[in-house]
Amino acid sequence: MMMKVLLCVLALLPLAAHAGKITISNPEVQELKGGKRLCVYENSIYLFTVVQKGKCATVKTFDTDANEK
């Protein structure tokens, strides 16, 4: 029984690696007109931009299907 559970877990690991989500921290922030901010989150693979009022989130999770560098 334990062997079947282990095999199922091992079979699902590749799916978890391609979950489609990434978390990026420490955005670059630019002030825009009207009190809005441009929040740029990037790493070596992905680039995401968010325009919003108020502060940019220090850490944000994105759908990796939405954008690639």
N, C-alpha and C. Protein backbone atom coordinates (compact mmCIF):
# COMPACT_ATOMS: atom_id res chain seq x y z
N MET A 1 0.82 -1.20 0.00
CA MET A 1 0.00 0.00 0.00
C MET A 1 0.86 1.26 0.00
N MET A 2 1.89 1.27 0.85
CA MET A 2 2.76 2.44 0.94
C MET A 2 3.49 2.68 -0.38
N MET A 3 3.83 1.61 -1.07
CA MET A 3 4.53 1.74 -2.35
C MET A 3 3.64 2.41 -3.38
N LYS A 4 2.34 2.11 -3.39
CA LYS A 4 1.41 2.74 -4.32
C LYS A 4 1.29 4.23 -4.05
N VAL A 5 1.23 4.62 -2.78
CA VAL A 5 1.14 6.03 -2.41
C VAL A 5 2.40 6.76 -2.86
N LEU A 6 3.56 6.16 -2.62
CA LEU A 6 4.82 6.76 -3.03
C LEU A 6 4.88 6.93 -4.55
N LEU A 7 4.45 5.95 -5.29
CA LEU A 7 4.44 6.05 -6.74
C LEU A 7 3.49 7.15 -7.23
N CYS A 8 2.36 7.30 -6.59
CA CYS A 8 1.42 8.36 -6.95
C CYS A 8 2.02 9.75 -6.68
N VAL A 9 2.68 9.89 -5.55
CA VAL A 9 3.31 11.17 -5.21
C VAL A 9 4.41 11.49 -6.22
N LEU A 10 5.23 10.52 -6.55
CA LEU A 10 6.30 10.74 -7.53
C LEU A 10 5.74 11.07 -8.91
N ALA A 11 4.61 10.49 -9.26
CA ALA A 11 4.00 10.77 -10.55
C ALA A 11 3.45 12.19 -10.62
N LEU A 12 3.04 12.75 -9.48
CA LEU A 12 2.46 14.10 -9.46
C LEU A 12 3.50 15.20 -9.33
N LEU A 13 4.73 14.90 -8.98
CA LEU A 13 5.76 15.92 -8.80
C LEU A 13 6.00 16.77 -10.05
N PRO A 14 6.07 16.20 -11.24
CA PRO A 14 6.26 17.06 -12.41
C PRO A 14 5.12 18.06 -12.60
N LEU A 15 3.92 17.72 -12.21
CA LEU A 15 2.79 18.64 -12.33
C LEU A 15 2.96 19.82 -11.38
N ALA A 16 3.49 19.56 -10.20
CA ALA A 16 3.70 20.63 -9.23
C ALA A 16 4.77 21.60 -9.71
N ALA A 17 5.75 21.09 -10.44
CA ALA A 17 6.82 21.96 -10.95
C ALA A 17 6.31 22.92 -12.02
N HIS A 18 5.22 22.57 -12.67
CA HIS A 18 4.65 23.42 -13.71
C HIS A 18 3.30 23.97 -13.26
N ALA A 19 3.24 24.41 -12.03
CA ALA A 19 1.98 24.86 -11.45
C ALA A 19 1.50 26.16 -12.07
N GLY A 20 2.39 26.94 -12.71
CA GLY A 20 1.98 28.16 -13.38
C GLY A 20 1.96 29.39 -12.50
N LYS A 21 2.59 29.33 -11.34
CA LYS A 21 2.63 30.48 -10.43
C LYS A 21 4.08 30.76 -10.06
N ILE A 22 4.39 32.04 -9.88
CA ILE A 22 5.71 32.45 -9.41
C ILE A 22 5.54 33.64 -8.46
N THR A 23 6.34 33.67 -7.44
CA THR A 23 6.32 34.77 -6.48
C THR A 23 7.60 35.57 -6.63
N ILE A 24 7.46 36.88 -6.80
CA ILE A 24 8.60 37.78 -6.97
C ILE A 24 8.49 38.89 -5.93
N SER A 25 9.63 39.29 -5.39
CA SER A 25 9.65 40.32 -4.35
C SER A 25 10.48 41.52 -4.78
N ASN A 26 10.41 42.57 -3.99
CA ASN A 26 11.19 43.80 -4.17
C ASN A 26 11.02 44.44 -5.55
N PRO A 27 9.85 44.96 -5.83
CA PRO A 27 9.63 45.58 -7.14
C PRO A 27 10.35 46.92 -7.28
N GLU A 28 10.61 47.31 -8.51
CA GLU A 28 11.04 48.67 -8.80
C GLU A 28 9.78 49.50 -8.89
N VAL A 29 9.80 50.69 -8.31
CA VAL A 29 8.59 51.52 -8.23
C VAL A 29 8.84 52.85 -8.92
N GLN A 30 7.89 53.26 -9.77
CA GLN A 30 7.94 54.57 -10.42
C GLN A 30 6.64 55.29 -10.13
N GLU A 31 6.74 56.57 -9.75
CA GLU A 31 5.56 57.39 -9.51
C GLU A 31 4.98 57.84 -10.84
N LEU A 32 3.66 57.74 -10.99
CA LEU A 32 2.96 58.19 -12.18
C LEU A 32 2.03 59.34 -11.82
N LYS A 33 1.43 59.93 -12.83
CA LYS A 33 0.46 61.00 -12.59
C LYS A 33 -0.77 60.46 -11.87
N GLY A 34 -1.44 61.34 -11.14
CA GLY A 34 -2.70 60.96 -10.49
C GLY A 34 -2.52 60.09 -9.27
N GLY A 35 -1.34 60.08 -8.68
CA GLY A 35 -1.12 59.29 -7.48
C GLY A 35 -0.96 57.80 -7.71
N LYS A 36 -0.78 57.40 -8.96
CA LYS A 36 -0.61 55.98 -9.27
C LYS A 36 0.87 55.62 -9.27
N ARG A 37 1.13 54.32 -9.16
CA ARG A 37 2.50 53.81 -9.17
C ARG A 37 2.61 52.68 -10.18
N LEU A 38 3.77 52.63 -10.82
CA LEU A 38 4.11 51.52 -11.71
C LEU A 38 5.01 50.60 -10.90
N CYS A 39 4.56 49.38 -10.69
CA CYS A 39 5.31 48.39 -9.91
C CYS A 39 5.86 47.36 -10.91
N VAL A 40 7.17 47.24 -10.97
CA VAL A 40 7.81 46.32 -11.91
C VAL A 40 8.46 45.20 -11.12
N TYR A 41 7.96 43.98 -11.34
CA TYR A 41 8.47 42.79 -10.69
C TYR A 41 9.19 41.97 -11.76
N GLU A 42 10.45 41.62 -11.51
CA GLU A 42 11.15 40.81 -12.50
C GLU A 42 12.22 39.94 -11.87
N ASN A 43 12.50 38.86 -12.58
CA ASN A 43 13.64 38.01 -12.26
C ASN A 43 14.32 37.68 -13.58
N SER A 44 15.17 36.69 -13.63
CA SER A 44 15.92 36.40 -14.85
C SER A 44 15.05 35.83 -15.97
N ILE A 45 13.83 35.42 -15.65
CA ILE A 45 12.95 34.82 -16.66
C ILE A 45 11.70 35.66 -16.92
N TYR A 46 11.09 36.21 -15.89
CA TYR A 46 9.80 36.87 -16.01
C TYR A 46 9.86 38.36 -15.71
N LEU A 47 8.96 39.09 -16.34
CA LEU A 47 8.78 40.53 -16.11
C LEU A 47 7.29 40.80 -16.03
N PHE A 48 6.85 41.35 -14.91
CA PHE A 48 5.45 41.68 -14.70
C PHE A 48 5.35 43.14 -14.28
N THR A 49 4.39 43.86 -14.82
CA THR A 49 4.16 45.25 -14.43
C THR A 49 2.73 45.40 -13.93
N VAL A 50 2.58 46.21 -12.88
CA VAL A 50 1.28 46.47 -12.29
C VAL A 50 1.16 47.97 -12.06
N VAL A 51 0.06 48.58 -12.50
CA VAL A 51 -0.20 49.99 -12.22
C VAL A 51 -1.32 50.02 -11.18
N GLN A 52 -1.07 50.76 -10.08
CA GLN A 52 -2.07 50.81 -9.02
C GLN A 52 -1.92 52.07 -8.21
N LYS A 53 -2.97 52.39 -7.47
CA LYS A 53 -2.91 53.47 -6.50
C LYS A 53 -2.38 52.88 -5.20
N GLY A 54 -1.68 53.68 -4.44
CA GLY A 54 -1.13 53.19 -3.18
C GLY A 54 0.20 52.50 -3.38
N LYS A 55 0.65 51.87 -2.29
CA LYS A 55 1.96 51.23 -2.31
C LYS A 55 1.95 49.94 -3.12
N CYS A 56 3.13 49.63 -3.67
CA CYS A 56 3.32 48.35 -4.35
C CYS A 56 3.54 47.27 -3.29
N ALA A 57 2.99 46.12 -3.52
CA ALA A 57 3.19 45.00 -2.60
C ALA A 57 4.66 44.58 -2.64
N THR A 58 5.23 44.30 -1.48
CA THR A 58 6.63 43.89 -1.41
C THR A 58 6.82 42.54 -2.09
N VAL A 59 5.84 41.65 -1.95
CA VAL A 59 5.89 40.32 -2.54
C VAL A 59 4.57 40.10 -3.27
N LYS A 60 4.64 39.57 -4.50
CA LYS A 60 3.43 39.34 -5.29
C LYS A 60 3.58 38.04 -6.07
N THR A 61 2.48 37.30 -6.19
CA THR A 61 2.46 36.06 -6.95
C THR A 61 1.74 36.28 -8.27
N PHE A 62 2.33 35.75 -9.35
CA PHE A 62 1.80 35.93 -10.69
C PHE A 62 1.58 34.59 -11.37
N ASP A 63 0.70 34.60 -12.36
CA ASP A 63 0.49 33.44 -13.22
C ASP A 63 1.56 33.49 -14.29
N THR A 64 2.38 32.46 -14.40
CA THR A 64 3.50 32.48 -15.34
C THR A 64 3.05 32.45 -16.80
N ASP A 65 1.83 32.06 -17.06
CA ASP A 65 1.32 32.07 -18.43
C ASP A 65 1.02 33.49 -18.90
N ALA A 66 0.97 34.45 -17.97
CA ALA A 66 0.59 35.82 -18.32
C ALA A 66 1.70 36.59 -19.02
N ASN A 67 2.97 36.25 -18.76
CA ASN A 67 4.04 37.07 -19.31
C ASN A 67 5.37 36.33 -19.23
N GLU A 68 6.22 36.53 -20.23
CA GLU A 68 7.58 36.03 -20.20
C GLU A 68 8.50 37.10 -20.74
N LYS A 69 9.70 37.13 -20.24
CA LYS A 69 10.70 38.10 -20.68
C LYS A 69 11.25 37.71 -22.03
